[in-house]
């Protein structure tokens, strides 16, 4: 496994675990559908942290994994808000 593949697996697992942990920490009923959904959302959100490697290809893995944890915790709602805000600013201006 290459260094890049290893990093991808690490940040994916961080998001997976955080997605499930957020569900377990909440008050809502736990179903397999919710576990799978939260795991997929957490994984997808955290994998965005890999984009750090585009402008900074020599960024330490700890930085990328930390960003993955942040995105996994904040989740898809923050990412959606950032994208919508960016698009609104572009359209206005």
PDB file of N, CA and C in Angstrom:
ATOM      1  N   UNK A   1       0.856  -1.171   0.000  1.00  0.00           N
ATOM      2  CA  UNK A   1       0.000   0.000   0.000  1.00  0.00           C
ATOM      3  C   UNK A   1       0.906   1.239   0.000  1.00  0.00           C
ATOM      4  N   UNK A   2       0.610   2.150  -0.893  1.00  0.00           N
ATOM      5  CA  UNK A   2       1.421   3.360  -0.988  1.00  0.00           C
ATOM      6  C   UNK A   2       1.085   4.318   0.156  1.00  0.00           C
ATOM      7  N   UNK A   3       1.914   5.313   0.311  1.00  0.00           N
ATOM      8  CA  UNK A   3       1.705   6.316   1.350  1.00  0.00           C
ATOM      9  C   UNK A   3       0.379   7.050   1.145  1.00  0.00           C
ATOM     10  N   UNK A   4       0.056   7.356  -0.113  1.00  0.00           N
ATOM     11  CA  UNK A   4      -1.205   8.049  -0.408  1.00  0.00           C
ATOM     12  C   UNK A   4      -2.407   7.167  -0.091  1.00  0.00           C
ATOM     13  N   UNK A   5      -2.306   5.875  -0.435  1.00  0.00           N
ATOM     14  CA  UNK A   5      -3.401   4.952  -0.136  1.00  0.00           C
ATOM     15  C   UNK A   5      -3.599   4.814   1.367  1.00  0.00           C
ATOM     16  N   UNK A   6      -2.497   4.739   2.085  1.00  0.00           N
ATOM     17  CA  UNK A   6      -2.549   4.625   3.538  1.00  0.00           C
ATOM     18  C   UNK A   6      -3.231   5.846   4.153  1.00  0.00           C
ATOM     19  N   UNK A   7      -2.899   7.026   3.661  1.00  0.00           N
ATOM     20  CA  UNK A   7      -3.517   8.255   4.162  1.00  0.00           C
ATOM     21  C   UNK A   7      -5.009   8.271   3.857  1.00  0.00           C
ATOM     22  N   UNK A   8      -5.382   7.838   2.665  1.00  0.00           N
ATOM     23  CA  UNK A   8      -6.790   7.798   2.274  1.00  0.00           C
ATOM     24  C   UNK A   8      -7.582   6.879   3.203  1.00  0.00           C
ATOM     25  N   UNK A   9      -7.015   5.724   3.519  1.00  0.00           N
ATOM     26  CA  UNK A   9      -7.679   4.790   4.432  1.00  0.00           C
ATOM     27  C   UNK A   9      -7.802   5.410   5.823  1.00  0.00           C
ATOM     28  N   UNK A  10      -6.748   6.062   6.287  1.00  0.00           N
ATOM     29  CA  UNK A  10      -6.777   6.685   7.619  1.00  0.00           C
ATOM     30  C   UNK A  10      -7.870   7.740   7.720  1.00  0.00           C
ATOM     31  N   UNK A  11      -7.920   8.646   6.747  1.00  0.00           N
ATOM     32  CA  UNK A  11      -8.919   9.714   6.861  1.00  0.00           C
ATOM     33  C   UNK A  11     -10.334   9.177   6.639  1.00  0.00           C
ATOM     34  N   UNK A  12     -10.463   8.132   5.840  1.00  0.00           N
ATOM     35  CA  UNK A  12     -11.771   7.503   5.675  1.00  0.00           C
ATOM     36  C   UNK A  12     -12.253   6.853   6.962  1.00  0.00           C
ATOM     37  N   UNK A  13     -11.344   6.176   7.658  1.00  0.00           N
ATOM     38  CA  UNK A  13     -11.705   5.535   8.925  1.00  0.00           C
ATOM     39  C   UNK A  13     -12.044   6.561  10.003  1.00  0.00           C
ATOM     40  N   UNK A  14     -11.322   7.671  10.012  1.00  0.00           N
ATOM     41  CA  UNK A  14     -11.624   8.733  10.976  1.00  0.00           C
ATOM     42  C   UNK A  14     -13.061   9.212  10.771  1.00  0.00           C
ATOM     43  N   UNK A  15     -13.419   9.498   9.539  1.00  0.00           N
ATOM     44  CA  UNK A  15     -14.774   9.959   9.252  1.00  0.00           C
ATOM     45  C   UNK A  15     -15.827   8.916   9.570  1.00  0.00           C
ATOM     46  N   UNK A  16     -15.533   7.660   9.246  1.00  0.00           N
ATOM     47  CA  UNK A  16     -16.451   6.559   9.532  1.00  0.00           C
ATOM     48  C   UNK A  16     -16.730   6.486  11.031  1.00  0.00           C
ATOM     49  N   UNK A  17     -15.657   6.478  11.818  1.00  0.00           N
ATOM     50  CA  UNK A  17     -15.812   6.352  13.270  1.00  0.00           C
ATOM     51  C   UNK A  17     -16.524   7.564  13.871  1.00  0.00           C
ATOM     52  N   UNK A  18     -16.210   8.753  13.382  1.00  0.00           N
ATOM     53  CA  UNK A  18     -16.865   9.948  13.913  1.00  0.00           C
ATOM     54  C   UNK A  18     -18.344   9.998  13.545  1.00  0.00           C
ATOM     55  N   UNK A  19     -18.673   9.554  12.348  1.00  0.00           N
ATOM     56  CA  UNK A  19     -20.076   9.516  11.949  1.00  0.00           C
ATOM     57  C   UNK A  19     -20.892   8.596  12.836  1.00  0.00           C
ATOM     58  N   UNK A  20     -20.350   7.415  13.118  1.00  0.00           N
ATOM     59  CA  UNK A  20     -21.043   6.465  13.990  1.00  0.00           C
ATOM     60  C   UNK A  20     -21.067   6.987  15.425  1.00  0.00           C
ATOM     61  N   UNK A  21     -19.964   7.578  15.877  1.00  0.00           N
ATOM     62  CA  UNK A  21     -19.897   8.098  17.246  1.00  0.00           C
ATOM     63  C   UNK A  21     -20.930   9.197  17.477  1.00  0.00           C
ATOM     64  N   UNK A  22     -21.128  10.063  16.484  1.00  0.00           N
ATOM     65  CA  UNK A  22     -22.133  11.121  16.621  1.00  0.00           C
ATOM     66  C   UNK A  22     -23.528  10.526  16.788  1.00  0.00           C
ATOM     67  N   UNK A  23     -23.802   9.444  16.087  1.00  0.00           N
ATOM     68  CA  UNK A  23     -25.099   8.787  16.220  1.00  0.00           C
ATOM     69  C   UNK A  23     -25.236   8.164  17.608  1.00  0.00           C
ATOM     70  N   UNK A  24     -24.184   7.491  18.069  1.00  0.00           N
ATOM     71  CA  UNK A  24     -24.236   6.843  19.378  1.00  0.00           C
ATOM     72  C   UNK A  24     -24.363   7.856  20.512  1.00  0.00           C
ATOM     73  N   UNK A  25     -23.804   9.030  20.340  1.00  0.00           N
ATOM     74  CA  UNK A  25     -23.855  10.057  21.383  1.00  0.00           C
ATOM     75  C   UNK A  25     -25.191  10.796  21.410  1.00  0.00           C
ATOM     76  N   UNK A  26     -25.960  10.680  20.358  1.00  0.00           N
ATOM     77  CA  UNK A  26     -27.234  11.396  20.277  1.00  0.00           C
ATOM     78  C   UNK A  26     -28.356  10.672  20.998  1.00  0.00           C
ATOM     79  N   UNK A  27     -29.510  11.292  20.997  1.00  0.00           N
ATOM     80  CA  UNK A  27     -30.680  10.746  21.690  1.00  0.00           C
ATOM     81  C   UNK A  27     -31.628   9.978  20.775  1.00  0.00           C
ATOM     82  N   UNK A  28     -31.378   9.997  19.480  1.00  0.00           N
ATOM     83  CA  UNK A  28     -32.314   9.361  18.558  1.00  0.00           C
ATOM     84  C   UNK A  28     -32.137   7.835  18.541  1.00  0.00           C
ATOM     85  N   UNK A  29     -33.189   7.156  18.113  1.00  0.00           N
ATOM     86  CA  UNK A  29     -33.159   5.698  18.036  1.00  0.00           C
ATOM     87  C   UNK A  29     -32.115   5.253  17.012  1.00  0.00           C
ATOM     88  N   UNK A  30     -31.410   4.178  17.340  1.00  0.00           N
ATOM     89  CA  UNK A  30     -30.343   3.687  16.466  1.00  0.00           C
ATOM     90  C   UNK A  30     -30.891   2.556  15.602  1.00  0.00           C
ATOM     91  N   UNK A  31     -30.780   2.730  14.297  1.00  0.00           N
ATOM     92  CA  UNK A  31     -31.154   1.686  13.345  1.00  0.00           C
ATOM     93  C   UNK A  31     -29.961   1.445  12.431  1.00  0.00           C
ATOM     94  N   UNK A  32     -29.957   0.298  11.763  1.00  0.00           N
ATOM     95  CA  UNK A  32     -28.855   0.008  10.836  1.00  0.00           C
ATOM     96  C   UNK A  32     -28.793   1.033   9.712  1.00  0.00           C
ATOM     97  N   UNK A  33     -29.945   1.498   9.298  1.00  0.00           N
ATOM     98  CA  UNK A  33     -29.986   2.507   8.234  1.00  0.00           C
ATOM     99  C   UNK A  33     -29.295   3.797   8.679  1.00  0.00           C
ATOM    100  N   UNK A  34     -29.568   4.235   9.909  1.00  0.00           N
ATOM    101  CA  UNK A  34     -28.931   5.449  10.424  1.00  0.00           C
ATOM    102  C   UNK A  34     -27.431   5.246  10.629  1.00  0.00           C
ATOM    103  N   UNK A  35     -27.036   4.077  11.121  1.00  0.00           N
ATOM    104  CA  UNK A  35     -25.608   3.793  11.313  1.00  0.00           C
ATOM    105  C   UNK A  35     -24.886   3.861   9.977  1.00  0.00           C
ATOM    106  N   UNK A  36     -25.439   3.199   8.970  1.00  0.00           N
ATOM    107  CA  UNK A  36     -24.816   3.204   7.649  1.00  0.00           C
ATOM    108  C   UNK A  36     -24.805   4.609   7.055  1.00  0.00           C
ATOM    109  N   UNK A  37     -25.911   5.325   7.179  1.00  0.00           N
ATOM    110  CA  UNK A  37     -25.983   6.684   6.642  1.00  0.00           C
ATOM    111  C   UNK A  37     -24.987   7.618   7.293  1.00  0.00           C
ATOM    112  N   UNK A  38     -24.895   7.582   8.611  1.00  0.00           N
ATOM    113  CA  UNK A  38     -23.948   8.455   9.310  1.00  0.00           C
ATOM    114  C   UNK A  38     -22.508   8.067   8.995  1.00  0.00           C
ATOM    115  N   UNK A  39     -22.255   6.767   8.869  1.00  0.00           N
ATOM    116  CA  UNK A  39     -20.902   6.324   8.526  1.00  0.00           C
ATOM    117  C   UNK A  39     -20.507   6.817   7.139  1.00  0.00           C
ATOM    118  N   UNK A  40     -21.420   6.713   6.190  1.00  0.00           N
ATOM    119  CA  UNK A  40     -21.128   7.179   4.828  1.00  0.00           C
ATOM    120  C   UNK A  40     -20.952   8.696   4.779  1.00  0.00           C
ATOM    121  N   UNK A  41     -21.806   9.434   5.476  1.00  0.00           N
ATOM    122  CA  UNK A  41     -21.673  10.895   5.504  1.00  0.00           C
ATOM    123  C   UNK A  41     -20.372  11.320   6.176  1.00  0.00           C
ATOM    124  N   UNK A  42     -20.024  10.656   7.267  1.00  0.00           N
ATOM    125  CA  UNK A  42     -18.773  10.981   7.954  1.00  0.00           C
ATOM    126  C   UNK A  42     -17.561  10.673   7.104  1.00  0.00           C
ATOM    127  N   UNK A  43     -17.600   9.526   6.423  1.00  0.00           N
ATOM    128  CA  UNK A  43     -16.488   9.147   5.551  1.00  0.00           C
ATOM    129  C   UNK A  43     -16.355  10.121   4.395  1.00  0.00           C
ATOM    130  N   UNK A  44     -17.457  10.418   3.750  1.00  0.00           N
ATOM    131  CA  UNK A  44     -17.420  11.353   2.622  1.00  0.00           C
ATOM    132  C   UNK A  44     -16.948  12.733   3.028  1.00  0.00           C
ATOM    133  N   UNK A  45     -17.430  13.201   4.176  1.00  0.00           N
ATOM    134  CA  UNK A  45     -17.021  14.522   4.656  1.00  0.00           C
ATOM    135  C   UNK A  45     -15.534  14.564   4.967  1.00  0.00           C
ATOM    136  N   UNK A  46     -15.033  13.526   5.612  1.00  0.00           N
ATOM    137  CA  UNK A  46     -13.627  13.542   6.007  1.00  0.00           C
ATOM    138  C   UNK A  46     -12.688  13.371   4.822  1.00  0.00           C
ATOM    139  N   UNK A  47     -13.122  12.668   3.791  1.00  0.00           N
ATOM    140  CA  UNK A  47     -12.255  12.472   2.626  1.00  0.00           C
ATOM    141  C   UNK A  47     -11.965  13.782   1.902  1.00  0.00           C
ATOM    142  N   UNK A  48     -12.807  14.778   2.108  1.00  0.00           N
ATOM    143  CA  UNK A  48     -12.559  16.090   1.512  1.00  0.00           C
ATOM    144  C   UNK A  48     -11.242  16.671   2.029  1.00  0.00           C
ATOM    145  N   UNK A  49     -10.827  16.243   3.218  1.00  0.00           N
ATOM    146  CA  UNK A  49      -9.559  16.728   3.783  1.00  0.00           C
ATOM    147  C   UNK A  49      -8.377  16.389   2.882  1.00  0.00           C
ATOM    148  N   UNK A  50      -8.520  15.374   2.056  1.00  0.00           N
ATOM    149  CA  UNK A  50      -7.454  15.021   1.117  1.00  0.00           C
ATOM    150  C   UNK A  50      -7.148  16.129   0.129  1.00  0.00           C
ATOM    151  N   UNK A  51      -8.085  17.053  -0.052  1.00  0.00           N
ATOM    152  CA  UNK A  51      -7.857  18.176  -0.963  1.00  0.00           C
ATOM    153  C   UNK A  51      -6.728  19.083  -0.484  1.00  0.00           C
ATOM    154  N   UNK A  52      -6.391  18.998   0.801  1.00  0.00           N
ATOM    155  CA  UNK A  52      -5.260  19.772   1.327  1.00  0.00           C
ATOM    156  C   UNK A  52      -3.983  19.415   0.574  1.00  0.00           C
ATOM    157  N   UNK A  53      -3.907  18.183   0.098  1.00  0.00           N
ATOM    158  CA  UNK A  53      -2.691  17.710  -0.562  1.00  0.00           C
ATOM    159  C   UNK A  53      -2.484  18.351  -1.938  1.00  0.00           C
ATOM    160  N   UNK A  54      -3.501  18.955  -2.512  1.00  0.00           N
ATOM    161  CA  UNK A  54      -3.339  19.572  -3.837  1.00  0.00           C
ATOM    162  C   UNK A  54      -2.428  20.797  -3.755  1.00  0.00           C
ATOM    163  N   UNK A  55      -2.752  21.800  -2.924  1.00  0.00           N
ATOM    164  CA  UNK A  55      -1.834  22.945  -2.863  1.00  0.00           C
ATOM    165  C   UNK A  55      -0.607  22.685  -1.983  1.00  0.00           C
ATOM    166  N   UNK A  56      -0.709  21.693  -1.093  1.00  0.00           N
ATOM    167  CA  UNK A  56       0.383  21.402  -0.157  1.00  0.00           C
ATOM    168  C   UNK A  56       0.723  19.911  -0.205  1.00  0.00           C
ATOM    169  N   UNK A  57       1.383  19.450  -1.270  1.00  0.00           N
ATOM    170  CA  UNK A  57       1.640  18.013  -1.415  1.00  0.00           C
ATOM    171  C   UNK A  57       2.545  17.428  -0.335  1.00  0.00           C
ATOM    172  N   UNK A  58       3.299  18.248   0.352  1.00  0.00           N
ATOM    173  CA  UNK A  58       4.187  17.750   1.404  1.00  0.00           C
ATOM    174  C   UNK A  58       3.627  17.983   2.803  1.00  0.00           C
ATOM    175  N   UNK A  59       2.339  18.245   2.906  1.00  0.00           N
ATOM    176  CA  UNK A  59       1.716  18.456   4.214  1.00  0.00           C
ATOM    177  C   UNK A  59       1.843  17.180   5.043  1.00  0.00           C
ATOM    178  N   UNK A  60       2.171  17.325   6.322  1.00  0.00           N
ATOM    179  CA  UNK A  60       2.276  16.141   7.177  1.00  0.00           C
ATOM    180  C   UNK A  60       0.937  15.404   7.265  1.00  0.00           C
ATOM    181  N   UNK A  61       1.009  14.078   7.389  1.00  0.00           N
ATOM    182  CA  UNK A  61      -0.219  13.291   7.478  1.00  0.00           C
ATOM    183  C   UNK A  61      -1.052  13.689   8.685  1.00  0.00           C
ATOM    184  N   UNK A  62      -0.397  14.093   9.755  1.00  0.00           N
ATOM    185  CA  UNK A  62      -1.126  14.492  10.953  1.00  0.00           C
ATOM    186  C   UNK A  62      -2.035  15.688  10.677  1.00  0.00           C
ATOM    187  N   UNK A  63      -1.586  16.601   9.849  1.00  0.00           N
ATOM    188  CA  UNK A  63      -2.399  17.767   9.480  1.00  0.00           C
ATOM    189  C   UNK A  63      -3.629  17.322   8.695  1.00  0.00           C
ATOM    190  N   UNK A  64      -3.428  16.422   7.755  1.00  0.00           N
ATOM    191  CA  UNK A  64      -4.539  15.949   6.923  1.00  0.00           C
ATOM    192  C   UNK A  64      -5.525  15.140   7.764  1.00  0.00           C
ATOM    193  N   UNK A  65      -5.020  14.274   8.635  1.00  0.00           N
ATOM    194  CA  UNK A  65      -5.900  13.478   9.495  1.00  0.00           C
ATOM    195  C   UNK A  65      -6.653  14.393  10.466  1.00  0.00           C
ATOM    196  N   UNK A  66      -5.997  15.422  10.968  1.00  0.00           N
ATOM    197  CA  UNK A  66      -6.674  16.388  11.840  1.00  0.00           C
ATOM    198  C   UNK A  66      -7.784  17.126  11.115  1.00  0.00           C
ATOM    199  N   UNK A  67      -7.519  17.524   9.881  1.00  0.00           N
ATOM    200  CA  UNK A  67      -8.555  18.181   9.076  1.00  0.00           C
ATOM    201  C   UNK A  67      -9.705  17.216   8.799  1.00  0.00           C
ATOM    202  N   UNK A  68      -9.381  15.946   8.593  1.00  0.00           N
ATOM    203  CA  UNK A  68     -10.416  14.932   8.372  1.00  0.00           C
ATOM    204  C   UNK A  68     -11.291  14.790   9.610  1.00  0.00           C
ATOM    205  N   UNK A  69     -10.668  14.812  10.780  1.00  0.00           N
ATOM    206  CA  UNK A  69     -11.435  14.721  12.021  1.00  0.00           C
ATOM    207  C   UNK A  69     -12.353  15.930  12.173  1.00  0.00           C
ATOM    208  N   UNK A  70     -11.834  17.105  11.861  1.00  0.00           N
ATOM    209  CA  UNK A  70     -12.646  18.321  11.941  1.00  0.00           C
ATOM    210  C   UNK A  70     -13.846  18.235  11.005  1.00  0.00           C
ATOM    211  N   UNK A  71     -13.603  17.826   9.771  1.00  0.00           N
ATOM    212  CA  UNK A  71     -14.702  17.716   8.808  1.00  0.00           C
ATOM    213  C   UNK A  71     -15.666  16.600   9.190  1.00  0.00           C
ATOM    214  N   UNK A  72     -15.130  15.514   9.758  1.00  0.00           N
ATOM    215  CA  UNK A  72     -15.997  14.426  10.195  1.00  0.00           C
ATOM    216  C   UNK A  72     -16.914  14.853  11.327  1.00  0.00           C
ATOM    217  N   UNK A  73     -16.393  15.679  12.234  1.00  0.00           N
ATOM    218  CA  UNK A  73     -17.194  16.156  13.362  1.00  0.00           C
ATOM    219  C   UNK A  73     -18.215  17.192  12.898  1.00  0.00           C
ATOM    220  N   UNK A  74     -17.758  18.163  12.128  1.00  0.00           N
ATOM    221  CA  UNK A  74     -18.667  19.220  11.681  1.00  0.00           C
ATOM    222  C   UNK A  74     -19.676  18.697  10.673  1.00  0.00           C
ATOM    223  N   UNK A  75     -19.246  17.732   9.887  1.00  0.00           N
ATOM    224  CA  UNK A  75     -20.162  17.035   9.015  1.00  0.00           C
ATOM    225  C   UNK A  75     -20.544  17.739   7.734  1.00  0.00           C
ATOM    226  N   UNK A  76     -21.466  17.095   7.056  1.00  0.00           N
ATOM    227  CA  UNK A  76     -21.880  17.542   5.735  1.00  0.00           C
ATOM    228  C   UNK A  76     -22.631  18.865   5.772  1.00  0.00           C
ATOM    229  N   UNK A  77     -23.251  19.188   6.898  1.00  0.00           N
ATOM    230  CA  UNK A  77     -24.015  20.440   6.953  1.00  0.00           C
ATOM    231  C   UNK A  77     -23.104  21.659   6.841  1.00  0.00           C
ATOM    232  N   UNK A  78     -21.920  21.612   7.454  1.00  0.00           N
ATOM    233  CA  UNK A  78     -20.979  22.728   7.315  1.00  0.00           C
ATOM    234  C   UNK A  78     -20.475  22.827   5.880  1.00  0.00           C
ATOM    235  N   UNK A  79     -20.162  21.701   5.294  1.00  0.00           N
ATOM    236  CA  UNK A  79     -19.657  21.689   3.920  1.00  0.00           C
ATOM    237  C   UNK A  79     -20.714  22.261   2.978  1.00  0.00           C
ATOM    238  N   UNK A  80     -21.960  21.857   3.177  1.00  0.00           N
ATOM    239  CA  UNK A  80     -23.060  22.376   2.357  1.00  0.00           C
ATOM    240  C   UNK A  80     -23.196  23.888   2.532  1.00  0.00           C
ATOM    241  N   UNK A  81     -23.102  24.377   3.759  1.00  0.00           N
ATOM    242  CA  UNK A  81     -23.201  25.810   4.032  1.00  0.00           C
ATOM    243  C   UNK A  81     -22.077  26.581   3.342  1.00  0.00           C
ATOM    244  N   UNK A  82     -20.850  26.061   3.401  1.00  0.00           N
ATOM    245  CA  UNK A  82     -19.708  26.728   2.769  1.00  0.00           C
ATOM    246  C   UNK A  82     -19.908  26.813   1.260  1.00  0.00           C
ATOM    247  N   UNK A  83     -20.330  25.722   0.655  1.00  0.00           N
ATOM    248  CA  UNK A  83     -20.526  25.700  -0.795  1.00  0.00           C
ATOM    249  C   UNK A  83     -21.639  26.665  -1.203  1.00  0.00           C
ATOM    250  N   UNK A  84     -22.748  26.653  -0.492  1.00  0.00           N
ATOM    251  CA  UNK A  84     -23.864  27.545  -0.826  1.00  0.00           C
ATOM    252  C   UNK A  84     -23.455  29.004  -0.655  1.00  0.00           C
ATOM    253  N   UNK A  85     -22.736  29.310   0.414  1.00  0.00           N
ATOM    254  CA  UNK A  85     -22.256  30.679   0.633  1.00  0.00           C
ATOM    255  C   UNK A  85     -21.329  31.112  -0.488  1.00  0.00           C
ATOM    256  N   UNK A  86     -20.435  30.232  -0.901  1.00  0.00           N
ATOM    257  CA  UNK A  86     -19.500  30.532  -1.988  1.00  0.00           C
ATOM    258  C   UNK A  86     -20.251  30.792  -3.295  1.00  0.00           C
ATOM    259  N   UNK A  87     -21.227  29.951  -3.598  1.00  0.00           N
ATOM    260  CA  UNK A  87     -22.001  30.108  -4.836  1.00  0.00           C
ATOM    261  C   UNK A  87     -22.800  31.411  -4.803  1.00  0.00           C
ATOM    262  N   UNK A  88     -23.412  31.712  -3.660  1.00  0.00           N
ATOM    263  CA  UNK A  88     -24.170  32.967  -3.540  1.00  0.00           C
ATOM    264  C   UNK A  88     -23.285  34.184  -3.761  1.00  0.00           C
ATOM    265  N   UNK A  89     -22.081  34.167  -3.211  1.00  0.00           N
ATOM    266  CA  UNK A  89     -21.160  35.292  -3.396  1.00  0.00           C
ATOM    267  C   UNK A  89     -20.744  35.422  -4.852  1.00  0.00           C
ATOM    268  N   UNK A  90     -20.537  34.301  -5.527  1.00  0.00           N
ATOM    269  CA  UNK A  90     -20.150  34.334  -6.942  1.00  0.00           C
ATOM    270  C   UNK A  90     -21.282  34.888  -7.800  1.00  0.00           C
ATOM    271  N   UNK A  91     -22.516  34.517  -7.493  1.00  0.00           N
ATOM    272  CA  UNK A  91     -23.652  34.975  -8.279  1.00  0.00           C
ATOM    273  C   UNK A  91     -23.929  36.461  -8.071  1.00  0.00           C
ATOM    274  N   UNK A  92     -23.674  36.956  -6.867  1.00  0.00           N
ATOM    275  CA  UNK A  92     -23.919  38.365  -6.573  1.00  0.00           C
ATOM    276  C   UNK A  92     -22.797  39.251  -7.071  1.00  0.00           C
ATOM    277  N   UNK A  93     -21.639  38.642  -7.239  1.00  0.00           N
ATOM    278  CA  UNK A  93     -20.667  39.472  -7.559  1.00  0.00           C
ATOM    279  C   UNK A  93     -19.523  39.774  -8.174  1.00  0.00           C
TER     280      UNK A  93
END
